[in-house]
C-alpha atoms as a PDB file:
ATOM      1  CA  MET A   1       0.000   0.000   0.000  1.00  0.00           C
ATOM      2  CA  ASN A   2       1.366   3.403  -0.996  1.00  0.00           C
ATOM      3  CA  THR A   3       1.292   5.738   1.993  1.00  0.00           C
ATOM      4  CA  SER A   4       3.252   8.647   0.517  1.00  0.00           C
ATOM      5  CA  THR A   5       1.505  11.985   0.250  1.00  0.00           C
ATOM      6  CA  VAL A   6       2.114  15.418  -1.209  1.00  0.00           C
ATOM      7  CA  THR A   7       1.297  18.619   0.666  1.00  0.00           C
ATOM      8  CA  ALA A   8       0.905  21.925  -1.157  1.00  0.00           C
ATOM      9  CA  THR A   9      -0.337  25.365  -0.143  1.00  0.00           C
ATOM     10  CA  TYR A  10      -2.414  27.621  -2.377  1.00  0.00           C
ATOM     11  CA  GLY A  11      -3.745  31.148  -2.123  1.00  0.00           C
ATOM     12  CA  VAL A  12      -7.530  31.584  -2.095  1.00  0.00           C
ATOM     13  CA  THR A  13      -9.226  34.979  -2.266  1.00  0.00           C
ATOM     14  CA  GLY A  14     -12.695  36.042  -1.172  1.00  0.00           C
ATOM     15  CA  MET A  15     -12.984  34.035   2.056  1.00  0.00           C
ATOM     16  CA  ASN A  16     -13.963  35.864   5.232  1.00  0.00           C
ATOM     17  CA  CYS A  17     -15.669  33.414   7.606  1.00  0.00           C
ATOM     18  CA  GLY A  18     -16.013  29.846   8.813  1.00  0.00           C
ATOM     19  CA  HIS A  19     -18.747  29.163   6.265  1.00  0.00           C
ATOM     20  CA  CYS A  20     -16.301  30.157   3.502  1.00  0.00           C
ATOM     21  CA  SER A  21     -13.728  27.776   4.920  1.00  0.00           C
ATOM     22  CA  GLN A  22     -16.245  24.938   5.072  1.00  0.00           C
ATOM     23  CA  ALA A  23     -17.405  25.523   1.489  1.00  0.00           C
ATOM     24  CA  VAL A  24     -13.838  25.345   0.161  1.00  0.00           C
ATOM     25  CA  THR A  25     -13.020  22.314   2.311  1.00  0.00           C
ATOM     26  CA  THR A  26     -16.109  20.443   1.094  1.00  0.00           C
ATOM     27  CA  GLU A  27     -15.430  21.046  -2.612  1.00  0.00           C
ATOM     28  CA  VAL A  28     -11.693  20.339  -2.501  1.00  0.00           C
ATOM     29  CA  SER A  29     -12.114  17.268  -0.274  1.00  0.00           C
ATOM     30  CA  ALA A  30     -14.321  15.726  -2.977  1.00  0.00           C
ATOM     31  CA  LEU A  31     -11.435  15.657  -5.478  1.00  0.00           C
ATOM     32  CA  PRO A  32      -9.913  12.205  -6.089  1.00  0.00           C
ATOM     33  CA  GLY A  33      -6.852  11.500  -3.964  1.00  0.00           C
ATOM     34  CA  VAL A  34      -7.353  14.350  -1.475  1.00  0.00           C
ATOM     35  CA  ARG A  35      -6.695  13.212   2.074  1.00  0.00           C
ATOM     36  CA  GLU A  36      -6.841  16.468   4.042  1.00  0.00           C
ATOM     37  CA  VAL A  37      -7.708  20.124   3.488  1.00  0.00           C
ATOM     38  CA  GLU A  38      -6.800  22.896   5.931  1.00  0.00           C
ATOM     39  CA  VAL A  39      -8.108  26.387   5.231  1.00  0.00           C
ATOM     40  CA  ASP A  40      -6.731  29.528   6.909  1.00  0.00           C
ATOM     41  CA  VAL A  41      -9.297  32.248   6.216  1.00  0.00           C
ATOM     42  CA  ALA A  42      -7.197  35.030   7.791  1.00  0.00           C
ATOM     43  CA  ALA A  43      -4.174  34.189   5.630  1.00  0.00           C
ATOM     44  CA  GLY A  44      -6.248  33.506   2.514  1.00  0.00           C
ATOM     45  CA  ALA A  45      -4.573  30.129   2.146  1.00  0.00           C
ATOM     46  CA  MET A  46      -5.418  26.467   1.816  1.00  0.00           C
ATOM     47  CA  THR A  47      -3.109  23.516   2.438  1.00  0.00           C
ATOM     48  CA  VAL A  48      -4.005  20.279   0.676  1.00  0.00           C
ATOM     49  CA  THR A  49      -2.549  16.864   1.416  1.00  0.00           C
ATOM     50  CA  SER A  50      -3.154  14.374  -1.379  1.00  0.00           C
ATOM     51  CA  GLU A  51      -1.914  11.092  -2.778  1.00  0.00           C
ATOM     52  CA  GLN A  52      -0.207  12.951  -5.638  1.00  0.00           C
ATOM     53  CA  LEU A  53       0.212  16.534  -6.785  1.00  0.00           C
ATOM     54  CA  LEU A  54      -3.189  17.768  -7.904  1.00  0.00           C
ATOM     55  CA  ASP A  55      -3.892  19.233 -11.309  1.00  0.00           C
ATOM     56  CA  GLU A  56      -4.193  22.953 -10.583  1.00  0.00           C
ATOM     57  CA  ALA A  57      -7.049  23.320 -13.102  1.00  0.00           C
ATOM     58  CA  LEU A  58      -9.140  20.767 -11.181  1.00  0.00           C
ATOM     59  CA  LEU A  59      -8.301  22.473  -7.921  1.00  0.00           C
ATOM     60  CA  ARG A  60      -9.198  25.863  -9.398  1.00  0.00           C
ATOM     61  CA  ASP A  61     -12.562  24.491 -10.576  1.00  0.00           C
ATOM     62  CA  ALA A  62     -13.346  23.115  -7.096  1.00  0.00           C
ATOM     63  CA  VAL A  63     -12.499  26.428  -5.404  1.00  0.00           C
ATOM     64  CA  THR A  64     -14.537  28.333  -8.015  1.00  0.00           C
ATOM     65  CA  GLU A  65     -17.486  25.988  -7.403  1.00  0.00           C
ATOM     66  CA  ALA A  66     -17.260  26.965  -3.708  1.00  0.00           C
ATOM     67  CA  GLY A  67     -17.517  30.625  -4.761  1.00  0.00           C
ATOM     68  CA  PHE A  68     -13.913  31.728  -4.397  1.00  0.00           C
ATOM     69  CA  GLU A  69     -10.772  32.228  -6.487  1.00  0.00           C
ATOM     70  CA  LEU A  70      -7.606  30.145  -6.419  1.00  0.00           C
ATOM     71  CA  THR A  71      -4.613  32.424  -6.880  1.00  0.00           C
ATOM     72  CA  GLY A  72      -2.112  29.599  -7.276  1.00  0.00           C
ATOM     73  CA  ALA A  73       0.533  27.757  -5.306  1.00  0.00           C
ATOM     74  CA  VAL A  74       2.400  29.716  -2.654  1.00  0.00           C
END
């Protein structure tokens, strides 16, 4: 069983509350291979732990679906 993971941090704009954080977490967590999502609303950042590096376009779509904008890896 492969237990290796990749962790990456991305900027997300437009979040300002716990509901925002939950919306982003829900959408990104649904992506294949995602194991953990941590959102820091104050910093405008999201850290994703996944089985492999995620396609940024898929990640961007998930964040957009939640109502926010992915600004890219930080």
